[in-house]
Protein backbone atom coordinates (compact mmCIF):
# COMPACT_ATOMS: atom_id res chain seq x y z
CA LEU A 1 -10.57 82.25 48.37
CA ARG A 2 -13.75 84.00 49.50
CA ILE A 3 -15.88 82.43 46.76
CA THR A 4 -19.42 83.75 47.01
CA GLU A 5 -22.78 83.20 45.31
CA GLN A 6 -25.40 85.58 43.94
CA GLU A 7 -27.88 86.15 41.14
CA GLU A 8 -26.38 88.20 38.33
CA PHE A 9 -27.59 89.40 34.93
CA MET A 10 -25.68 87.46 32.28
CA PRO A 11 -25.49 88.94 28.77
CA GLN A 12 -25.27 85.52 27.10
CA SER A 13 -28.80 84.60 28.25
CA GLY A 14 -30.22 88.09 28.71
CA GLN A 15 -31.50 87.26 32.17
CA LYS A 16 -30.44 86.83 35.78
CA GLU A 17 -28.75 83.55 36.61
CA ARG A 18 -27.49 81.91 39.78
CA CYS A 19 -23.72 82.41 39.76
CA VAL A 20 -20.60 81.37 41.58
CA CYS A 21 -18.54 84.51 42.16
CA PHE A 22 -14.76 84.24 42.04
CA ASN A 23 -13.49 87.36 43.78
CA TYR A 24 -10.11 88.73 42.74
CA PHE A 25 -8.19 90.35 45.59
CA GLU A 26 -4.85 92.17 45.65
CA ASP A 27 -3.32 93.20 48.99
CA GLY A 28 -6.59 92.16 50.57
CA GLN A 29 -8.64 94.58 48.46
CA LEU A 30 -11.34 93.43 46.02
CA VAL A 31 -10.28 94.35 42.48
CA ASN A 32 -12.53 92.29 40.22
CA THR A 33 -15.09 89.48 40.23
CA LYS A 34 -15.72 86.73 37.69
CA PHE A 35 -19.31 85.49 37.59
CA ARG A 36 -19.84 81.90 36.42
CA SER A 37 -23.42 80.76 36.01
CA VAL A 38 -24.15 77.41 37.62
CA ASP A 39 -26.39 75.87 34.98
CA ALA A 40 -25.30 77.31 31.61
CA LYS A 41 -21.59 77.98 32.22
CA HIS A 42 -21.86 81.61 31.19
CA PHE A 43 -19.10 84.00 32.27
CA LYS A 44 -18.59 87.70 32.77
CA MET A 45 -16.32 90.00 34.77
CA VAL A 46 -16.92 93.45 36.23
CA GLN A 47 -16.93 95.96 33.39
CA GLY A 48 -13.92 98.29 33.50
CA ALA A 49 -12.20 96.43 36.36
CA GLU A 50 -8.51 95.57 36.06
CA LEU A 51 -7.51 92.06 35.01
CA ILE A 52 -5.22 90.54 37.63
CA PRO A 53 -4.27 86.93 38.43
CA TYR A 54 -6.73 85.13 40.66
CA ASN A 55 -5.38 84.62 44.22
CA ILE A 56 -2.28 86.68 43.39
CA ASP A 57 -1.55 87.42 47.06
CA SER A 58 -0.64 83.75 47.59
CA VAL A 59 2.54 84.20 45.52
CA LEU A 60 4.14 86.82 47.75
CA GLY A 61 7.10 85.51 49.74
CA GLN A 62 7.11 82.16 47.93
CA THR A 63 9.78 80.52 45.77
CA SER A 64 7.38 78.58 43.54
CA CYS A 65 3.80 78.78 42.33
CA ILE A 66 1.25 76.87 40.28
CA ILE A 67 -0.50 78.67 37.43
CA HIS A 68 -3.90 77.36 36.33
CA GLU A 69 -6.21 78.29 33.47
CA GLY A 70 -9.32 78.60 35.63
CA GLU A 71 -10.44 79.44 39.13
CA LEU A 72 -11.97 76.02 39.87
CA ASP A 73 -8.66 74.36 39.00
CA ALA A 74 -6.88 76.76 41.36
CA ALA A 75 -9.43 76.01 44.08
CA SER A 76 -8.86 72.27 43.56
CA SER A 77 -5.09 72.62 44.03
CA LEU A 78 -5.59 74.78 47.12
CA ALA A 79 -8.01 72.22 48.56
CA ALA A 80 -5.37 69.55 47.93
CA GLY A 81 -2.91 71.45 50.10
CA PHE A 82 -0.88 73.63 47.75
CA LYS A 83 -0.33 77.17 49.01
CA SER A 84 0.98 79.32 46.18
CA VAL A 85 -1.66 78.88 43.47
CA ILE A 86 -3.05 81.36 40.96
CA SER A 87 -5.21 81.36 37.85
CA VAL A 88 -4.98 83.50 34.75
CA PRO A 89 -7.95 85.91 34.67
CA ALA A 90 -9.14 85.44 31.10
CA GLY A 91 -8.90 81.71 30.41
CA ALA A 92 -6.81 80.49 27.50
CA ASN A 93 -6.06 83.95 26.15
CA SER A 94 -2.49 84.31 24.91
CA ASN A 95 -2.53 88.07 25.55
CA LEU A 96 -0.70 88.20 28.87
CA SER A 97 -0.36 91.97 29.22
CA TRP A 98 -1.99 91.69 32.66
CA LEU A 99 1.23 89.99 33.82
CA ASP A 100 3.38 93.06 33.24
CA ARG A 101 2.59 94.85 36.49
CA PHE A 102 3.33 91.74 38.56
CA MET A 103 6.54 90.51 36.95
CA GLU A 104 8.92 92.34 39.28
CA THR A 105 6.85 92.34 42.47
CA HIS A 106 5.45 88.79 42.41
CA PHE A 107 7.31 86.63 39.88
CA GLU A 108 10.91 87.85 39.83
CA ASP A 109 11.98 85.87 42.93
CA LEU A 110 10.27 82.62 41.95
CA THR A 111 12.68 79.78 41.21
CA GLU A 112 9.98 77.40 39.99
CA VAL A 113 6.77 78.06 38.04
CA ILE A 114 4.48 75.05 37.56
CA ILE A 115 2.18 75.51 34.58
CA ALA A 116 -1.03 73.51 34.97
CA VAL A 117 -3.31 74.62 32.16
CA ASP A 118 -5.75 72.70 29.95
CA THR A 119 -4.44 70.34 27.30
CA ASP A 120 -6.59 71.54 24.39
CA SER A 121 -5.08 73.68 21.60
CA ALA A 122 -5.92 76.97 23.33
CA GLY A 123 -4.42 75.73 26.58
CA LEU A 124 -1.23 74.64 24.85
CA GLN A 125 -0.90 78.08 23.27
CA LEU A 126 -1.35 79.65 26.70
CA ARG A 127 1.26 77.26 28.12
CA ASP A 128 3.81 78.24 25.49
CA GLU A 129 3.23 81.95 26.02
CA LEU A 130 3.59 81.60 29.80
CA ILE A 131 6.87 79.72 29.33
CA ASN A 132 8.07 82.44 26.96
CA ARG A 133 7.17 85.23 29.39
CA LEU A 134 8.29 83.60 32.63
CA GLY A 135 11.44 81.88 31.40
CA VAL A 136 11.93 78.33 30.21
CA GLU A 137 14.67 77.66 32.75
CA ARG A 138 12.29 77.79 35.73
CA CYS A 139 9.06 76.45 34.20
CA ARG A 140 7.67 72.94 34.64
CA VAL A 141 4.61 71.59 32.86
CA VAL A 142 1.97 69.39 34.47
CA ALA A 143 0.88 66.19 32.73
CA TYR A 144 -2.56 65.02 33.89
CA GLY A 145 -3.81 61.46 34.19
CA PRO A 146 -5.57 59.57 31.36
CA GLY A 147 -8.81 61.20 30.25
CA CYS A 148 -8.17 64.44 32.17
CA LYS A 149 -7.73 67.84 30.58
CA ASP A 150 -7.34 69.93 33.74
CA ALA A 151 -6.61 69.77 37.46
CA ASN A 152 -10.25 69.72 38.52
CA GLU A 153 -10.92 66.60 36.42
CA HIS A 154 -7.70 64.95 37.60
CA LEU A 155 -8.51 65.47 41.25
CA PHE A 156 -12.08 64.30 40.81
CA ILE A 157 -11.25 61.18 38.80
CA HIS A 158 -8.13 60.11 40.69
CA LEU A 159 -9.07 61.10 44.22
CA VAL A 160 -12.58 62.31 44.93
CA HIS A 161 -14.33 59.74 42.72
CA ARG A 162 -12.68 56.90 44.64
CA PHE A 163 -13.75 58.47 47.92
CA PHE A 164 -17.29 59.16 46.66
CA SER A 165 -17.75 55.65 45.21
CA SER A 166 -17.61 54.17 48.71
CA ARG A 167 -20.43 56.49 49.80
CA ALA A 168 -22.57 56.58 46.66
CA GLY A 169 -25.81 56.04 48.54
CA GLU A 170 -25.22 59.11 50.68
CA LEU A 171 -24.49 61.59 47.87
CA LEU A 172 -27.53 63.59 46.79
CA TYR A 173 -27.11 66.97 45.08
CA SER A 174 -29.87 69.33 44.03
CA ASN A 175 -27.69 71.29 41.58
CA ALA A 176 -24.21 71.74 40.21
CA LEU A 177 -23.24 74.32 42.84
CA ASP A 178 -23.93 71.85 45.64
CA LEU A 179 -21.74 69.29 43.84
CA GLN A 180 -18.89 71.80 43.40
CA ARG A 181 -19.08 72.73 47.07
CA SER A 182 -19.05 69.08 48.10
CA VAL A 183 -16.09 68.26 45.87
CA LEU A 184 -14.02 71.07 47.38
CA GLY A 185 -15.24 70.20 50.86
CA GLN A 186 -14.29 66.55 50.51
CA LEU A 187 -10.87 67.47 49.12
CA ALA A 188 -10.24 69.73 52.10
CA HIS A 189 -11.42 66.98 54.46
CA LEU A 190 -9.14 64.40 52.83
CA HIS A 191 -6.18 66.75 52.99
CA ARG A 192 -6.70 67.46 56.68
CA ALA A 193 -7.22 63.80 57.51
CA ALA A 194 -4.20 62.56 55.60
CA ARG A 195 -2.01 65.60 56.24
CA GLY A 196 -1.12 65.63 52.57
CA ALA A 197 -0.22 61.96 52.20
CA ILE A 198 -3.15 61.12 49.91
CA ALA A 199 -3.73 64.16 47.75
CA LEU A 200 -0.32 65.62 47.11
CA LYS A 201 1.31 63.18 44.71
CA ILE A 202 -1.34 63.56 42.03
CA PHE A 203 0.25 65.38 39.14
CA GLY A 204 2.93 64.21 36.78
CA VAL A 205 5.26 67.15 36.19
CA HIS A 206 7.72 67.52 33.36
CA GLY A 207 10.77 69.73 33.54
CA VAL A 208 11.01 72.11 30.59
CA HIS A 209 14.18 72.79 28.62
CA ARG A 210 13.91 74.76 25.41
CA GLY A 211 10.21 74.09 25.45
CA GLU A 212 10.50 70.28 25.64
CA PRO A 213 9.72 67.98 28.62
CA VAL A 214 12.88 66.28 29.82
CA SER A 215 12.04 64.56 33.10
CA TYR A 216 9.22 63.19 35.20
CA THR A 217 8.58 63.60 38.89
CA HIS A 218 5.75 64.10 41.38
CA LEU A 219 4.48 67.44 42.50
CA ARG A 220 4.30 67.91 46.25
CA ALA A 221 2.76 70.65 48.35
């Protein structure tokens, strides 16, 4: 994912802040960057840069993909072993015009699209618009565990928290960025150690027919 870190001026605070940088690549070329401040959760993207899906190259040559609402959720799914994972570039924004250029080249051959967005009202609106644009016949909708609104929370509560609780005395973090790095690092470690047996049956997924969930199964990498 080539996630980086730097200080960046953030308009919300009017000062430089320490940021996680989610770099948006297409065909291996950097197209855009989203800056997320570590402490205040401020966001910005490169002014004038094109909006494209995050990690869009992972979709090429695949028959299915997972679509998330945010980059950290996408990183969580990738750390859990899933290969074809993207995030929308602008959060829960129902204007999906950025999809147009990729419909034929990246989405036309997909037989399954797994929509894993947040469960708040904005996320549900995004979900419905994605289903409308991508086709109800091939869309499936993720249902998270109790108390979870997104994939990052689900993975942390249902997998990483259990792992961390056995090592609570060893876990010391100086800031939120260190915690985020450790979460992703532990997920990757668990996936390698278990070869997918632990982390990959974590989401409940509903089939979608005319916009309504009709079945329940487990999502596998």
